[in-house]
């Protein structure tokens, strides 16, 4: 079957879903998702944390710009809150104290509410922390738990309400040009569109190749996570998330258990990622070093791919080598929390060739996001 649309979005994860929602307000939109369900890969394997103090300066500003939407989404977007209290404590060993101070200084420049706390205060909040391991700590009190599925489904539902069409089991096989339009074929359908938005996550460079466009050198990196039982006799529901200054591990409450990650970032080919035993073992070892837990059982483990550009900033913008080919990729591990701002950036650049004013006021420039910045360093 043949379909014609203004904008064809390749990828139905959080980036593609959020872009569909914003773009459908002024253009016709079709979303193509290769899997049987949207959000199967990176979106469905997120740690579900909203923090304004993770990622480089561009990412942190995008998170700050996303908070208002996440705190107060449109009335018809979802029927429950997307953010709930959690907090985030960053800890450091004695050999990491200088790094902790550097990170605190950097953090407060954008998030003044972040403050240093005593080791005793950190342990009071999370009693399994070892006093002979933790030598320093600071807290981000306004970090939140984020309902990833609620956000993703909200974008999909609201995009459909604005007239967008979402098609699953629609892996792209060929991309070409016919006059002023792109011609895209899946196994069963063909599509003609003025603009392609490449929101294919780990497969974004592959999509560019199909379109005859030079890839950007995006690198998918595997991140492992697993659940372990909560410590016996402890109510962990109110615990904050814990990470460490060296980005070596993190853990937090998760549906009555602890979610743990060794914060690995192993380069990978685009694939349905799976956890390696060595990474799970590394996470267990780091958790046991920092806490009084003795892990005897891992309840469940999984892995996802977080796709990075060379400078770890997202890629959002038109490719100068081909009319109507728009990149929305390279979100790294930050695509969920920045999706409201990134989708508005995408819509603004497509509709008016400029970023929304609130992003500019935060010091985010189109050049910071443009794919052309990467062409210059390839």
Protein backbone atom coordinates (compact mmCIF):
# COMPACT_ATOMS: atom_id res chain seq x y z
CA UNK A 1 0.00 0.00 0.00
CA UNK A 2 1.23 3.51 -0.78
CA UNK A 3 1.09 6.32 1.79
CA UNK A 4 1.92 10.02 1.50
CA UNK A 5 2.76 12.27 4.43
CA UNK A 6 4.57 15.48 5.26
CA UNK A 7 6.89 13.89 7.82
CA UNK A 8 7.92 10.25 8.10
CA UNK A 9 9.51 9.36 11.45
CA UNK A 10 11.66 6.24 11.52
CA UNK A 11 11.65 4.85 15.05
CA UNK A 12 8.86 4.67 17.61
CA UNK A 13 10.91 4.90 20.79
CA UNK A 14 10.73 7.91 23.08
CA UNK A 15 12.47 10.21 20.56
CA UNK A 16 10.20 9.31 17.65
CA UNK A 17 7.03 9.28 19.77
CA UNK A 18 7.74 12.69 21.30
CA UNK A 19 8.66 14.16 17.91
CA UNK A 20 5.43 12.79 16.42
CA UNK A 21 3.45 14.51 19.16
CA UNK A 22 5.02 17.91 18.54
CA UNK A 23 5.18 17.74 14.74
CA UNK A 24 1.61 16.46 14.35
CA UNK A 25 0.43 19.83 15.65
CA UNK A 26 1.34 21.40 12.27
CA UNK A 27 2.01 18.60 9.75
CA UNK A 28 0.86 15.12 8.77
CA UNK A 29 2.98 12.41 10.41
CA UNK A 30 3.56 8.69 10.04
CA UNK A 31 5.80 6.78 12.47
CA UNK A 32 7.47 3.54 11.35
CA UNK A 33 8.58 1.13 14.07
CA UNK A 34 10.46 -2.02 13.07
CA UNK A 35 9.46 -4.01 16.17
CA UNK A 36 6.01 -5.37 17.10
CA UNK A 37 5.73 -2.65 19.74
CA UNK A 38 7.12 0.85 20.12
CA UNK A 39 9.83 1.33 22.74
CA UNK A 40 11.08 -2.25 22.72
CA UNK A 41 14.78 -1.37 22.83
CA UNK A 42 16.39 1.52 24.77
CA UNK A 43 13.13 3.20 25.84
CA UNK A 44 11.79 0.08 27.50
CA UNK A 45 15.02 -0.55 29.40
CA UNK A 46 15.57 2.81 31.09
CA UNK A 47 16.53 3.33 34.72
CA UNK A 48 13.51 5.67 34.98
CA UNK A 49 15.27 8.51 36.77
CA UNK A 50 14.86 12.23 36.17
CA UNK A 51 17.97 14.13 37.17
CA UNK A 52 19.25 17.51 36.03
CA UNK A 53 22.78 16.53 37.05
CA UNK A 54 23.72 13.78 34.60
CA UNK A 55 25.31 14.22 31.18
CA UNK A 56 27.26 17.09 29.68
CA UNK A 57 26.20 20.73 29.81
CA UNK A 58 23.91 20.50 26.80
CA UNK A 59 22.13 17.44 28.20
CA UNK A 60 21.70 19.01 31.63
CA UNK A 61 20.16 22.12 30.11
CA UNK A 62 17.80 20.00 28.02
CA UNK A 63 16.72 18.16 31.18
CA UNK A 64 16.08 21.46 32.95
CA UNK A 65 14.01 22.58 29.95
CA UNK A 66 11.98 19.34 30.15
CA UNK A 67 11.03 19.54 33.83
CA UNK A 68 7.98 21.78 33.41
CA UNK A 69 6.34 19.38 30.94
CA UNK A 70 7.12 16.34 33.07
CA UNK A 71 5.76 18.01 36.20
CA UNK A 72 2.60 19.32 34.51
CA UNK A 73 1.84 17.56 31.22
CA UNK A 74 -1.24 18.65 29.23
CA UNK A 75 -4.52 17.67 30.87
CA UNK A 76 -5.33 14.99 28.30
CA UNK A 77 -1.78 13.58 28.12
CA UNK A 78 -2.07 10.99 30.92
CA UNK A 79 -4.28 10.28 33.90
CA UNK A 80 -1.55 10.21 36.56
CA UNK A 81 1.62 12.05 37.54
CA UNK A 82 4.80 11.27 35.62
CA UNK A 83 7.24 12.26 38.38
CA UNK A 84 7.33 11.03 41.96
CA UNK A 85 9.72 11.75 44.84
CA UNK A 86 13.05 9.94 44.88
CA UNK A 87 16.11 12.15 45.34
CA UNK A 88 19.64 11.26 44.28
CA UNK A 89 22.71 10.99 46.50
CA UNK A 90 26.15 10.90 44.91
CA UNK A 91 28.75 9.22 47.10
CA UNK A 92 32.53 9.05 46.97
CA UNK A 93 35.31 6.95 48.47
CA UNK A 94 38.26 8.68 50.11
CA UNK A 95 40.21 8.50 46.85
CA UNK A 96 37.31 10.17 45.00
CA UNK A 97 36.82 13.20 47.25
CA UNK A 98 38.55 15.63 44.89
CA UNK A 99 36.37 14.37 42.05
CA UNK A 100 33.28 14.72 44.25
CA UNK A 101 34.14 18.37 44.95
CA UNK A 102 34.61 19.03 41.25
CA UNK A 103 31.29 17.42 40.43
CA UNK A 104 29.53 19.37 43.18
CA UNK A 105 30.88 22.67 41.85
CA UNK A 106 29.79 21.76 38.32
CA UNK A 107 26.38 20.59 39.53
CA UNK A 108 25.53 23.73 41.51
CA UNK A 109 26.24 25.94 38.50
CA UNK A 110 23.01 24.69 36.90
CA UNK A 111 21.11 23.18 39.87
CA UNK A 112 21.61 25.34 42.98
CA UNK A 113 19.47 23.02 45.13
CA UNK A 114 22.21 20.38 45.04
CA UNK A 115 24.19 20.48 48.27
CA UNK A 116 26.83 18.61 50.21
CA UNK A 117 25.64 16.37 53.01
CA UNK A 118 27.48 14.49 55.74
CA UNK A 119 28.33 10.84 55.49
CA UNK A 120 26.08 10.25 58.49
CA UNK A 121 23.18 11.93 56.69
CA UNK A 122 23.70 9.75 53.61
CA UNK A 123 23.77 6.58 55.71
CA UNK A 124 20.67 7.71 57.61
CA UNK A 125 18.83 7.87 54.28
CA UNK A 126 20.24 4.54 52.99
CA UNK A 127 21.30 2.43 56.00
CA UNK A 128 23.07 -0.27 53.97
CA UNK A 129 25.86 2.15 52.93
CA UNK A 130 29.18 1.25 54.56
CA UNK A 131 30.71 3.98 56.73
CA UNK A 132 34.17 2.63 55.88
CA UNK A 133 33.42 3.07 52.15
CA UNK A 134 31.57 6.38 51.93
CA UNK A 135 33.85 9.35 52.62
CA UNK A 136 31.74 12.13 51.13
CA UNK A 137 28.34 12.79 49.55
CA UNK A 138 26.04 15.36 48.00
CA UNK A 139 22.33 15.24 47.29
CA UNK A 140 20.09 16.35 44.43
CA UNK A 141 16.84 16.65 46.40
CA UNK A 142 14.64 17.40 43.40
CA UNK A 143 15.68 14.37 41.35
CA UNK A 144 12.59 12.27 40.66
CA UNK A 145 11.36 8.84 39.71
CA UNK A 146 10.06 9.01 36.13
CA UNK A 147 7.23 6.92 34.73
CA UNK A 148 8.88 6.03 31.41
CA UNK A 149 6.01 3.94 30.08
CA UNK A 150 3.47 6.58 31.05
CA UNK A 151 5.49 9.25 29.26
CA UNK A 152 6.09 7.15 26.15
CA UNK A 153 2.49 5.99 25.85
CA UNK A 154 1.31 9.54 26.53
CA UNK A 155 3.31 10.83 23.56
CA UNK A 156 2.02 8.04 21.31
CA UNK A 157 -1.59 8.50 22.38
CA UNK A 158 -1.46 12.30 22.07
CA UNK A 159 0.30 12.08 18.69
CA UNK A 160 -2.52 9.83 17.41
CA UNK A 161 -5.08 12.29 18.76
CA UNK A 162 -3.39 14.94 16.61
CA UNK A 163 -3.70 12.74 13.55
CA UNK A 164 -0.37 10.88 13.52
CA UNK A 165 -0.34 7.26 12.33
CA UNK A 166 1.85 4.74 14.18
CA UNK A 167 2.83 1.60 12.24
CA UNK A 168 4.60 -1.34 13.92
CA UNK A 169 6.31 -4.32 12.27
CA UNK A 170 7.40 -1.72 9.73
CA UNK A 171 11.15 -2.11 9.34
CA UNK A 172 12.56 0.14 6.61
CA UNK A 173 14.17 -1.77 3.73
CA UNK A 174 14.92 0.94 1.14
CA UNK A 175 15.12 4.73 1.04
CA UNK A 176 15.41 6.78 -2.13
CA UNK A 177 14.35 10.02 -3.78
CA UNK A 178 11.50 10.67 -6.20
CA UNK A 179 11.50 14.32 -7.16
CA UNK A 180 11.04 16.47 -4.09
CA UNK A 181 10.00 13.59 -1.86
CA UNK A 182 11.68 10.73 -0.11
CA UNK A 183 10.50 7.27 -1.10
CA UNK A 184 10.65 4.70 1.70
CA UNK A 185 9.68 1.05 1.49
CA UNK A 186 8.97 -1.53 4.16
CA UNK A 187 8.18 -5.17 3.43
CA UNK A 188 4.50 -4.39 2.83
CA UNK A 189 4.13 -0.66 2.19
CA UNK A 190 5.69 2.33 0.45
CA UNK A 191 5.78 5.89 1.74
CA UNK A 192 6.37 9.28 0.17
CA UNK A 193 7.41 12.15 2.47
CA UNK A 194 8.89 15.61 2.20
CA UNK A 195 10.89 15.03 5.39
CA UNK A 196 12.36 11.98 7.07
CA UNK A 197 13.10 12.19 10.79
CA UNK A 198 15.77 9.63 11.65
CA UNK A 199 14.87 8.59 15.21
CA UNK A 200 16.15 5.02 14.84
CA UNK A 201 18.32 4.93 17.97
CA UNK A 202 21.17 2.45 17.66
CA UNK A 203 20.24 1.99 13.98
CA UNK A 204 20.37 5.72 13.08
CA UNK A 205 23.60 5.45 11.08
CA UNK A 206 22.17 2.41 9.26
CA UNK A 207 19.12 4.44 8.25
CA UNK A 208 21.39 7.20 6.95
CA UNK A 209 23.30 4.65 4.89
CA UNK A 210 20.05 3.45 3.34
CA UNK A 211 19.32 7.05 2.34
CA UNK A 212 22.77 7.47 0.78
CA UNK A 213 23.87 9.86 3.52
CA UNK A 214 27.23 9.59 5.27
CA UNK A 215 26.88 8.22 8.82
CA UNK A 216 27.87 10.34 11.81
CA UNK A 217 29.89 7.70 13.65
CA UNK A 218 27.27 7.18 16.35
CA UNK A 219 28.27 4.48 18.82
CA UNK A 220 25.74 2.26 20.62
CA UNK A 221 26.98 1.29 24.09
CA UNK A 222 25.58 -1.50 26.23
CA UNK A 223 24.30 -0.69 29.72
CA UNK A 224 23.48 -3.56 32.09
CA UNK A 225 20.99 -3.58 34.95
CA UNK A 226 19.63 -6.21 37.30
CA UNK A 227 17.36 -6.66 40.30
CA UNK A 228 18.32 -8.10 43.67
CA UNK A 229 16.00 -8.67 46.65
CA UNK A 230 15.64 -5.83 49.10
CA UNK A 231 17.51 -6.24 52.40
CA UNK A 232 15.42 -8.22 54.86
CA UNK A 233 13.41 -6.20 57.35
CA UNK A 234 14.01 -2.83 55.67
CA UNK A 235 11.45 -0.56 54.03
CA UNK A 236 13.33 0.74 51.00
CA UNK A 237 10.47 2.62 49.33
CA UNK A 238 11.65 6.05 50.45
CA UNK A 239 15.32 5.54 49.70
CA UNK A 240 16.92 7.91 47.22
CA UNK A 241 18.87 6.64 44.25
CA UNK A 242 22.59 6.22 44.95
CA UNK A 243 25.32 6.75 42.40
CA UNK A 244 29.04 7.29 42.80
CA UNK A 245 31.29 10.14 41.75
CA UNK A 246 33.27 7.93 39.41
CA UNK A 247 30.15 6.66 37.57
CA UNK A 248 31.06 3.07 38.50
CA UNK A 249 27.63 1.94 39.72
CA UNK A 250 24.21 3.05 40.88
CA UNK A 251 21.25 1.49 42.67
CA UNK A 252 17.73 2.46 43.66
CA UNK A 253 14.42 0.96 44.82
CA UNK A 254 12.47 -0.75 42.06
CA UNK A 255 9.10 -2.43 42.65
CA UNK A 256 10.10 -3.80 46.06
CA UNK A 257 13.61 -4.79 44.99
CA UNK A 258 16.83 -2.95 44.25
CA UNK A 259 17.74 -2.05 40.69
CA UNK A 260 21.52 -2.11 40.29
CA UNK A 261 23.83 -1.23 37.41
CA UNK A 262 27.62 -1.32 37.03
CA UNK A 263 27.21 1.73 34.76
CA UNK A 264 28.94 -0.10 31.93
CA UNK A 265 29.29 1.51 28.52
CA UNK A 266 30.58 -1.22 26.21
CA UNK A 267 30.54 -0.37 22.46
CA UNK A 268 28.17 -2.67 20.57
CA UNK A 269 26.72 -3.27 17.16
CA UNK A 270 23.02 -2.33 16.87
CA UNK A 271 21.20 -5.33 18.28
CA UNK A 272 18.69 -6.63 20.80
CA UNK A 273 21.10 -6.21 23.71
CA UNK A 274 21.46 -8.82 26.41
CA UNK A 275 23.37 -8.78 29.72
CA UNK A 276 26.80 -10.35 29.98
CA UNK A 277 27.48 -12.41 33.12
CA UNK A 278 30.72 -10.53 33.73
CA UNK A 279 28.90 -7.19 33.85
CA UNK A 280 26.30 -8.49 36.29
CA UNK A 281 29.12 -9.91 38.46
CA UNK A 282 30.90 -6.55 38.34
CA UNK A 283 27.75 -4.80 39.47
CA UNK A 284 27.28 -7.22 42.35
CA UNK A 285 30.90 -6.75 43.45
CA UNK A 286 30.64 -2.96 43.42
CA UNK A 287 27.33 -3.03 45.29
CA UNK A 288 28.77 -5.32 47.97
CA UNK A 289 31.87 -3.13 48.38
CA UNK A 290 29.76 -0.02 48.99
CA UNK A 291 27.03 -1.60 51.13
CA UNK A 292 26.46 -4.25 53.78
CA UNK A 293 24.49 -6.40 51.32
CA UNK A 294 25.52 -9.96 50.60
CA UNK A 295 23.91 -10.75 47.24
CA UNK A 296 22.88 -14.40 47.02
CA UNK A 297 20.44 -14.10 44.14
CA UNK A 298 19.92 -11.92 41.08
CA UNK A 299 16.19 -11.87 40.37
CA UNK A 300 16.37 -10.56 36.81
CA UNK A 301 18.93 -8.96 34.52
CA UNK A 302 18.70 -7.06 31.25
CA UNK A 303 20.66 -4.69 29.02
CA UNK A 304 19.96 -1.87 26.61
CA UNK A 305 21.89 0.22 24.12
CA UNK A 306 22.56 3.90 24.71
CA UNK A 307 23.75 5.55 21.50
CA UNK A 308 26.28 8.38 21.64
CA UNK A 309 27.75 10.98 19.34
CA UNK A 310 31.44 11.76 19.76
CA UNK A 311 30.80 14.73 22.06
CA UNK A 312 27.95 12.97 23.95
CA UNK A 313 25.40 15.62 22.94
CA UNK A 314 22.21 14.69 21.07
CA UNK A 315 22.05 15.13 17.30
CA UNK A 316 19.04 17.20 16.24
CA UNK A 317 18.90 18.93 12.88
CA UNK A 318 18.78 18.77 9.10
CA UNK A 319 21.61 17.13 7.23
CA UNK A 320 23.14 19.66 4.83
CA UNK A 321 23.87 16.98 2.24
CA UNK A 322 20.24 16.02 1.56
CA UNK A 323 17.03 18.06 1.55
CA UNK A 324 14.56 16.93 4.15
CA UNK A 325 16.71 14.42 6.03
CA UNK A 326 16.49 15.27 9.72
CA UNK A 327 18.53 13.63 12.48
CA UNK A 328 17.02 12.98 15.91
CA UNK A 329 19.58 10.60 17.37
CA UNK A 330 22.47 10.14 19.76
CA UNK A 331 20.49 10.73 22.94
CA UNK A 332 22.84 8.49 24.91
CA UNK A 333 21.26 7.49 28.20
CA UNK A 334 19.45 10.81 28.44
CA UNK A 335 16.67 10.52 25.86
CA UNK A 336 13.82 9.91 28.29
CA UNK A 337 14.39 12.84 30.60
CA UNK A 338 15.17 15.24 27.73
CA UNK A 339 12.37 14.10 25.40
CA UNK A 340 10.03 17.07 25.99
CA UNK A 341 12.77 19.58 25.15
CA UNK A 342 14.28 17.55 22.30
CA UNK A 343 10.90 17.08 20.62
CA UNK A 344 10.21 20.80 20.79
CA UNK A 345 13.68 21.46 19.39
CA UNK A 346 12.91 19.07 16.55
CA UNK A 347 9.57 20.73 15.81
CA UNK A 348 11.02 24.23 15.99
CA UNK A 349 13.88 23.44 13.63
CA UNK A 350 11.55 21.77 11.14
CA UNK A 351 8.84 24.43 11.21
CA UNK A 352 10.78 27.64 11.70
CA UNK A 353 14.45 26.61 11.33
CA UNK A 354 15.09 27.80 14.89
CA UNK A 355 15.01 26.51 18.44
CA UNK A 356 12.23 27.52 20.85
CA UNK A 357 13.02 30.66 22.83
CA UNK A 358 13.13 28.93 26.21
CA UNK A 359 15.91 26.59 25.02
CA UNK A 360 17.89 29.55 23.70
CA UNK A 361 17.51 31.35 27.03
CA UNK A 362 19.08 28.34 28.73
CA UNK A 363 22.11 28.66 26.47
CA UNK A 364 21.28 25.85 24.05
CA UNK A 365 22.25 26.67 20.47
CA UNK A 366 21.23 24.94 17.26
CA UNK A 367 24.93 24.46 16.52
CA UNK A 368 25.28 22.44 19.74
CA UNK A 369 22.79 19.90 18.36
CA UNK A 370 23.40 20.07 14.61
CA UNK A 371 24.75 17.00 12.78
CA UNK A 372 27.15 19.35 10.99
CA UNK A 373 29.23 19.74 14.14
CA UNK A 374 30.11 16.05 13.82
CA UNK A 375 30.97 16.32 10.13
CA UNK A 376 33.68 18.75 11.15
CA UNK A 377 35.39 16.29 13.51
CA UNK A 378 35.04 13.07 11.54
